[in-house]
Protein backbone atom coordinates (compact mmCIF):
# COMPACT_ATOMS: atom_id res chain seq x y z
CA MET A 1 -0.05 0.06 0.09
CA LEU A 2 1.52 3.30 -1.11
CA VAL A 3 -0.12 6.10 0.99
CA ALA A 4 -0.07 9.65 -0.35
CA VAL A 5 1.05 11.74 2.90
CA SER A 6 1.40 15.66 2.60
CA GLY A 7 1.53 15.92 6.44
CA GLY A 8 -1.92 17.58 6.38
CA PRO A 9 -4.76 16.01 8.89
CA ASP A 10 -6.55 13.91 6.19
CA SER A 11 -3.32 12.31 5.06
CA MET A 12 -1.88 11.72 8.65
CA ALA A 13 -5.12 10.44 9.87
CA LEU A 14 -5.18 7.99 7.00
CA LEU A 15 -1.65 6.82 7.84
CA HIS A 16 -2.39 6.27 11.13
CA LEU A 17 -5.62 4.46 10.54
CA PHE A 18 -3.57 1.98 8.22
CA SER A 19 -0.84 1.47 10.78
CA ALA A 20 -3.81 0.48 13.33
CA VAL A 21 -5.18 -2.19 10.92
CA LEU A 22 -1.74 -3.55 9.86
CA PRO A 23 -1.72 -6.80 12.18
CA VAL A 24 -5.07 -7.54 10.30
CA VAL A 25 -4.76 -6.52 6.69
CA GLN A 26 -1.06 -7.69 6.73
CA CYS A 27 0.23 -5.48 4.05
CA ARG A 28 3.54 -3.58 3.26
CA ILE A 29 3.10 0.26 3.65
CA GLY A 30 5.29 2.89 2.15
CA VAL A 31 4.58 6.81 2.05
CA ALA A 32 4.82 9.15 -0.86
CA HIS A 33 5.36 12.70 -0.34
CA CYS A 34 5.38 15.72 -2.94
CA ASN A 35 7.14 18.75 -2.14
CA PHE A 36 5.95 21.16 -4.79
CA THR A 37 8.22 24.09 -3.45
CA LEU A 38 5.51 26.43 -3.70
CA ARG A 39 5.46 27.61 0.06
CA GLY A 40 8.96 28.34 0.62
CA GLU A 41 10.12 27.28 4.23
CA GLU A 42 6.80 25.94 5.21
CA SER A 43 7.00 23.17 1.97
CA GLU A 44 10.57 22.13 3.46
CA GLU A 45 8.96 21.73 7.09
CA ASP A 46 6.33 19.79 5.85
CA GLU A 47 8.98 17.56 4.01
CA ALA A 48 11.09 16.99 7.30
CA PHE A 49 7.86 16.32 9.30
CA VAL A 50 6.80 13.37 7.11
CA ARG A 51 10.21 12.02 6.78
CA GLU A 52 10.58 12.29 10.81
CA HIS A 53 7.24 10.60 11.35
CA CYS A 54 8.24 7.69 8.70
CA ARG A 55 11.54 7.29 10.38
CA LEU A 56 9.81 6.87 13.76
CA ALA A 57 7.16 4.45 12.32
CA GLY A 58 9.51 2.49 10.43
CA PHE A 59 7.80 3.31 7.09
CA GLU A 60 9.70 3.51 3.74
CA CYS A 61 9.34 7.05 2.70
CA HIS A 62 9.59 8.31 -0.98
CA VAL A 63 9.93 12.00 -1.67
CA ARG A 64 10.08 13.77 -4.89
CA ARG A 65 10.53 17.60 -5.26
CA PHE A 66 9.00 19.72 -8.07
CA ASP A 67 9.55 23.09 -9.38
CA THR A 68 5.76 23.14 -9.75
CA ARG A 69 5.34 27.07 -10.60
CA LYS A 70 8.01 26.75 -13.32
CA VAL A 71 6.32 23.80 -14.86
CA SER A 72 2.92 25.21 -14.90
CA LEU A 73 4.22 28.18 -16.72
CA ALA A 74 5.73 25.81 -19.54
CA TRP A 75 2.57 23.57 -19.66
CA LYS A 76 0.11 26.62 -19.56
CA LYS A 77 -1.61 25.21 -16.81
CA SER A 78 -2.90 26.09 -13.35
CA ILE A 79 -0.59 25.36 -10.47
CA GLU A 80 -3.45 23.06 -9.06
CA GLU A 81 -3.83 21.04 -12.40
CA THR A 82 0.03 20.93 -12.69
CA ALA A 83 0.62 19.58 -9.22
CA ARG A 84 -2.00 16.99 -9.76
CA ILE A 85 -0.56 15.76 -12.81
CA GLN A 86 3.09 15.69 -11.05
CA ARG A 87 1.65 14.08 -8.02
CA TYR A 88 -0.13 10.99 -9.75
CA SER A 89 2.79 10.80 -12.04
CA PHE A 90 4.85 10.18 -9.20
CA PHE A 91 2.68 7.65 -7.32
CA GLU A 92 2.27 5.64 -10.73
CA GLU A 93 6.00 5.56 -11.00
CA LEU A 94 6.79 4.19 -7.56
CA GLN A 95 3.74 1.47 -8.01
CA LEU A 96 5.41 0.26 -11.30
CA GLU A 97 9.10 0.50 -10.11
CA LEU A 98 8.48 -0.99 -6.25
CA GLY A 99 5.45 -3.01 -6.79
CA TYR A 100 2.67 -1.36 -4.78
CA SER A 101 -0.45 -2.59 -5.63
CA ARG A 102 -2.60 0.30 -4.27
CA ILE A 103 -2.31 3.84 -4.08
CA ALA A 104 -4.36 5.39 -1.06
CA THR A 105 -5.24 9.23 -0.67
CA GLY A 106 -6.80 10.91 2.05
CA HIS A 107 -9.96 12.41 0.16
CA HIS A 108 -12.89 13.00 2.36
CA SER A 109 -16.62 13.93 1.86
CA GLY A 110 -15.92 17.63 1.86
CA ASP A 111 -13.37 17.10 -1.05
CA ASN A 112 -16.01 15.39 -2.74
CA ALA A 113 -18.56 18.06 -2.36
CA GLU A 114 -16.02 20.60 -3.26
CA THR A 115 -15.04 18.67 -6.40
CA MET A 116 -18.56 18.16 -7.29
CA LEU A 117 -19.47 22.03 -7.18
CA PHE A 118 -16.46 22.84 -9.23
CA ASN A 119 -17.27 20.45 -11.89
CA LEU A 120 -21.11 22.05 -11.61
CA PHE A 121 -19.74 25.36 -11.95
CA ARG A 122 -17.47 24.71 -14.96
CA GLY A 123 -20.35 23.11 -16.86
CA SER A 124 -19.35 19.59 -16.74
CA SER A 125 -21.50 16.51 -17.83
CA MET A 126 -24.10 14.97 -15.52
CA THR A 127 -22.10 11.83 -15.00
CA ALA A 128 -19.14 14.10 -13.89
CA LEU A 129 -21.22 15.08 -11.07
CA ARG A 130 -20.34 11.70 -9.68
CA GLY A 131 -17.37 13.59 -8.11
CA ILE A 132 -14.40 11.63 -6.39
CA ARG A 133 -14.40 7.80 -6.85
CA SER A 134 -13.91 5.99 -3.94
CA VAL A 135 -12.03 3.43 -6.19
CA HIS A 136 -10.30 4.35 -9.51
CA GLY A 137 -8.02 1.84 -10.79
CA SER A 138 -5.40 1.17 -8.36
CA VAL A 139 -6.28 4.35 -6.45
CA ILE A 140 -8.34 3.90 -3.24
CA ARG A 141 -9.82 6.62 -0.96
CA PRO A 142 -10.81 4.98 2.28
CA LEU A 143 -11.83 8.46 4.10
CA LEU A 144 -14.27 9.52 1.52
CA PRO A 145 -17.41 8.40 3.91
CA PHE A 146 -15.99 10.77 6.65
CA SER A 147 -16.14 14.55 7.07
CA ARG A 148 -13.13 16.81 7.73
CA ASP A 149 -14.70 17.33 11.18
CA GLU A 150 -14.80 13.88 11.99
CA ILE A 151 -11.02 13.39 11.03
CA ILE A 152 -10.00 16.32 13.14
CA ALA A 153 -11.81 14.89 16.01
CA TYR A 154 -9.78 11.43 15.58
CA LEU A 155 -6.50 13.19 15.42
CA HIS A 156 -7.32 15.10 18.61
CA GLU A 157 -8.83 12.03 20.46
CA SER A 158 -5.69 9.95 19.49
CA GLY A 159 -3.06 12.54 20.15
CA ARG A 160 -1.64 12.51 16.60
CA PRO A 161 0.22 15.60 15.24
CA TRP A 162 -0.40 17.10 11.88
CA ARG A 163 0.63 20.19 9.88
CA THR A 164 -1.46 23.10 8.63
CA ASP A 165 -1.23 24.69 4.99
CA LEU A 166 -2.30 28.22 5.48
CA SER A 167 -2.54 28.35 1.60
CA ASN A 168 -5.83 26.28 1.82
CA SER A 169 -7.42 29.21 3.85
CA GLY A 170 -7.39 31.78 1.03
CA ILE A 171 -10.00 32.35 -1.51
CA GLU A 172 -7.96 33.39 -4.71
CA HIS A 173 -8.13 29.93 -6.05
CA ASP A 174 -11.49 28.62 -7.48
CA ARG A 175 -11.37 25.61 -5.10
CA ASN A 176 -10.25 27.65 -2.36
CA PHE A 177 -13.33 29.86 -2.70
CA ILE A 178 -15.66 27.12 -3.03
CA ARG A 179 -14.21 25.51 0.10
CA ASN A 180 -13.97 28.42 2.38
CA ARG A 181 -16.95 30.76 1.02
CA VAL A 182 -19.64 28.68 -0.92
CA ILE A 183 -20.07 25.77 1.20
CA PRO A 184 -19.94 27.31 4.35
CA LEU A 185 -22.43 29.77 3.33
CA ILE A 186 -24.86 27.24 2.18
CA GLU A 187 -24.33 24.92 5.12
CA GLU A 188 -25.13 28.15 7.34
CA ARG A 189 -28.52 28.49 5.63
CA PHE A 190 -29.29 24.61 5.21
CA ARG A 191 -27.42 23.30 8.04
CA TYR A 192 -25.81 19.75 7.71
CA LYS A 193 -27.68 19.07 4.35
CA LEU A 194 -25.40 20.10 1.63
CA THR A 195 -22.54 17.43 2.00
CA ALA A 196 -25.02 14.76 2.74
CA SER A 197 -27.35 15.68 -0.44
CA LEU A 198 -24.34 16.01 -2.65
CA GLN A 199 -23.09 12.74 -1.55
CA ARG A 200 -26.14 11.09 -2.47
CA MET A 201 -26.18 12.75 -5.63
CA SER A 202 -22.67 11.48 -6.24
CA GLU A 203 -23.68 8.03 -5.58
CA HIS A 204 -26.74 8.31 -8.10
CA ALA A 205 -24.41 9.89 -10.78
CA GLY A 206 -22.08 7.08 -10.25
CA GLU A 207 -24.61 4.65 -10.97
CA LEU A 208 -25.90 6.49 -14.01
CA ASP A 209 -21.98 6.69 -15.16
CA GLU A 210 -21.68 2.77 -14.88
CA PHE A 211 -24.71 2.17 -16.85
CA VAL A 212 -23.63 4.72 -19.53
CA GLU A 213 -20.52 3.32 -19.91
CA ALA A 214 -21.95 -0.22 -20.33
CA HIS A 215 -24.54 0.97 -22.95
CA ILE A 216 -22.18 2.97 -25.03
CA GLY A 217 -19.69 0.01 -24.67
CA ARG A 218 -22.16 -2.41 -26.38
CA LEU A 219 -23.19 0.29 -29.09
CA ILE A 220 -19.48 0.52 -30.17
CA ASP A 221 -19.14 -3.08 -30.24
CA GLU A 222 -22.19 -3.71 -32.29
CA HIS A 223 -21.40 -0.95 -34.85
CA THR A 224 -18.29 -1.89 -37.03
CA GLY A 225 -18.34 1.61 -38.21
CA PHE A 226 -17.14 2.85 -34.96
CA ASP A 227 -13.24 2.76 -35.01
CA LEU A 228 -12.57 5.18 -32.07
CA ALA A 229 -8.67 4.12 -31.87
CA GLY A 230 -8.36 4.81 -35.49
CA GLY A 231 -10.47 8.16 -35.61
CA ASN A 232 -12.92 6.85 -37.92
CA LEU A 233 -16.77 7.15 -37.06
CA HIS A 234 -19.33 5.88 -39.89
CA VAL A 235 -21.88 9.34 -39.95
CA VAL A 236 -24.87 7.33 -40.88
CA SER A 237 -24.46 4.74 -38.00
CA LEU A 238 -23.90 7.87 -35.76
CA LEU A 239 -27.32 9.50 -36.87
CA THR A 240 -29.26 6.28 -36.19
CA LEU A 241 -28.55 7.01 -32.38
CA THR A 242 -30.03 9.47 -29.93
CA LEU A 243 -28.27 12.95 -29.45
CA PHE A 244 -27.23 11.90 -26.11
CA GLU A 245 -25.70 8.53 -27.37
CA ARG A 246 -23.99 10.42 -30.34
CA LYS A 247 -22.33 12.76 -28.04
CA GLU A 248 -21.11 10.05 -25.66
CA ILE A 249 -19.39 8.39 -28.82
CA LEU A 250 -18.01 11.65 -29.81
CA LYS A 251 -16.71 12.08 -26.43
CA ARG A 252 -14.89 8.76 -26.46
CA ALA A 253 -13.61 9.36 -29.88
CA LEU A 254 -12.12 12.71 -28.66
CA GLN A 255 -10.67 11.12 -25.65
CA SER A 256 -9.06 8.23 -27.85
CA GLN A 257 -7.28 10.71 -29.83
CA GLY A 258 -5.90 12.62 -26.82
CA ALA A 259 -8.15 15.89 -27.52
CA LYS A 260 -9.79 17.41 -24.56
CA VAL A 261 -13.68 16.80 -24.20
CA ASP A 262 -15.53 20.28 -24.49
CA SER A 263 -19.32 20.74 -24.50
CA ARG A 264 -18.96 23.60 -27.38
CA VAL A 265 -16.58 21.21 -29.49
CA LEU A 266 -19.17 18.18 -28.96
CA GLN A 267 -21.98 20.45 -30.46
CA ARG A 268 -19.78 21.33 -33.45
CA LEU A 269 -19.12 17.68 -34.05
CA VAL A 270 -22.92 17.13 -33.88
CA GLU A 271 -23.57 19.64 -36.45
CA LEU A 272 -20.65 18.46 -38.49
CA THR A 273 -22.41 15.16 -38.93
CA LEU A 274 -25.33 17.06 -40.24
CA GLN A 275 -23.51 18.89 -43.01
CA GLN A 276 -22.13 18.19 -46.42
CA ALA A 277 -18.82 16.31 -46.73
CA GLY A 278 -15.66 18.20 -47.01
CA ARG A 279 -16.18 20.38 -43.92
CA SER A 280 -14.02 20.19 -41.02
CA VAL A 281 -13.86 21.22 -37.31
CA PRO A 282 -10.76 21.68 -35.05
CA VAL A 283 -11.27 20.02 -31.73
CA GLY A 284 -7.80 21.17 -30.05
CA GLY A 285 -4.57 19.74 -29.33
CA GLY A 286 -3.64 20.02 -33.31
CA ILE A 287 -6.31 17.59 -34.11
CA VAL A 288 -9.26 18.35 -36.86
CA ALA A 289 -12.18 16.46 -37.39
CA VAL A 290 -13.23 16.06 -41.26
CA SER A 291 -16.68 14.83 -42.74
CA LYS A 292 -15.15 12.78 -45.66
CA ASP A 293 -16.55 9.35 -47.60
CA GLY A 294 -19.29 9.00 -45.25
CA PHE A 295 -16.98 8.87 -41.99
CA LEU A 296 -16.17 11.52 -39.39
CA ARG A 297 -12.19 11.51 -39.36
CA PHE A 298 -10.16 12.53 -36.63
CA ARG A 299 -6.50 13.65 -38.01
CA ARG A 300 -3.47 15.34 -36.33
CA GLU A 301 -2.27 18.17 -38.28
CA SER A 302 0.65 18.98 -36.02
CA SER A 303 1.93 18.20 -32.46
CA PRO A 304 1.61 20.66 -29.91
CA ALA A 305 4.62 21.60 -28.08
CA GLY A 306 4.86 21.38 -24.45
CA ASP A 307 2.11 19.26 -23.46
CA PRO A 308 2.47 17.49 -20.24
CA PRO A 309 2.40 13.87 -19.62
CA GLU A 310 -1.35 12.39 -18.92
CA GLY A 311 -2.31 11.44 -15.56
CA PRO A 312 -5.61 10.37 -13.67
CA SER A 313 -8.03 12.53 -12.34
CA ALA A 314 -8.61 12.93 -7.96
CA GLY A 315 -12.04 11.83 -8.59
């Protein structure tokens, strides 16, 4: 088990809980800490805290330092997104090199509520409202059913130390604004209802997502004209489907080509299937969709420079 530990309360509680069940689960525990070098001396103190705790507890500690601010500029991505990619790339590297079968992170119910609202505000699809998954590939999130207050109470009761990241208390970043302004304001008006309601919605959206994945998978298998990997979609076959089904297949075609899924691009692709052959639509990342010979064909015109490596999401 590779446990992601920042030194904050969530990850420290997770590590202590795994320590408590070691006699039962009998697994090997390793710790991964990312120093994104974003907070100067505080980042160094976080790293030292995690290293010392692992030394005292006898856990193998893997630390990776990143110049996240510089890389985010090169990638033209936000610092938060850059850190996410760096984090999970590091975890996967450790998993492959050292044989960890699972990666555990300390996400809790508040993180899930924050992610769902963030996805809602940026116009994500209905299935994206499932929020953070408790299991996603080899990544597990055992604390997802618990609130931040419950986690803090556990640490107080057990006398466990943790570090506080003061940058999380600001509102300059969108996620911080949702966490520190939006959610508290709603909870003040509808006390104890928001997180629980969003958790139920997350579960329902997850069930819907599973159904959609299975249904669209069957459609793709049944139609020989849907070659997502090759970037070729038979237009007449697409037009026999509902609009929802068409968009879901187009989303998967974009993903298979390494293009970003965007609602505006999806709508333009839908319109392209209704237009005469020869027209084209740029879909981003140097990829163009062309209507030709009865097919919607995705072709790469040029390779964008400076793109970061792909990494999994936190939900």
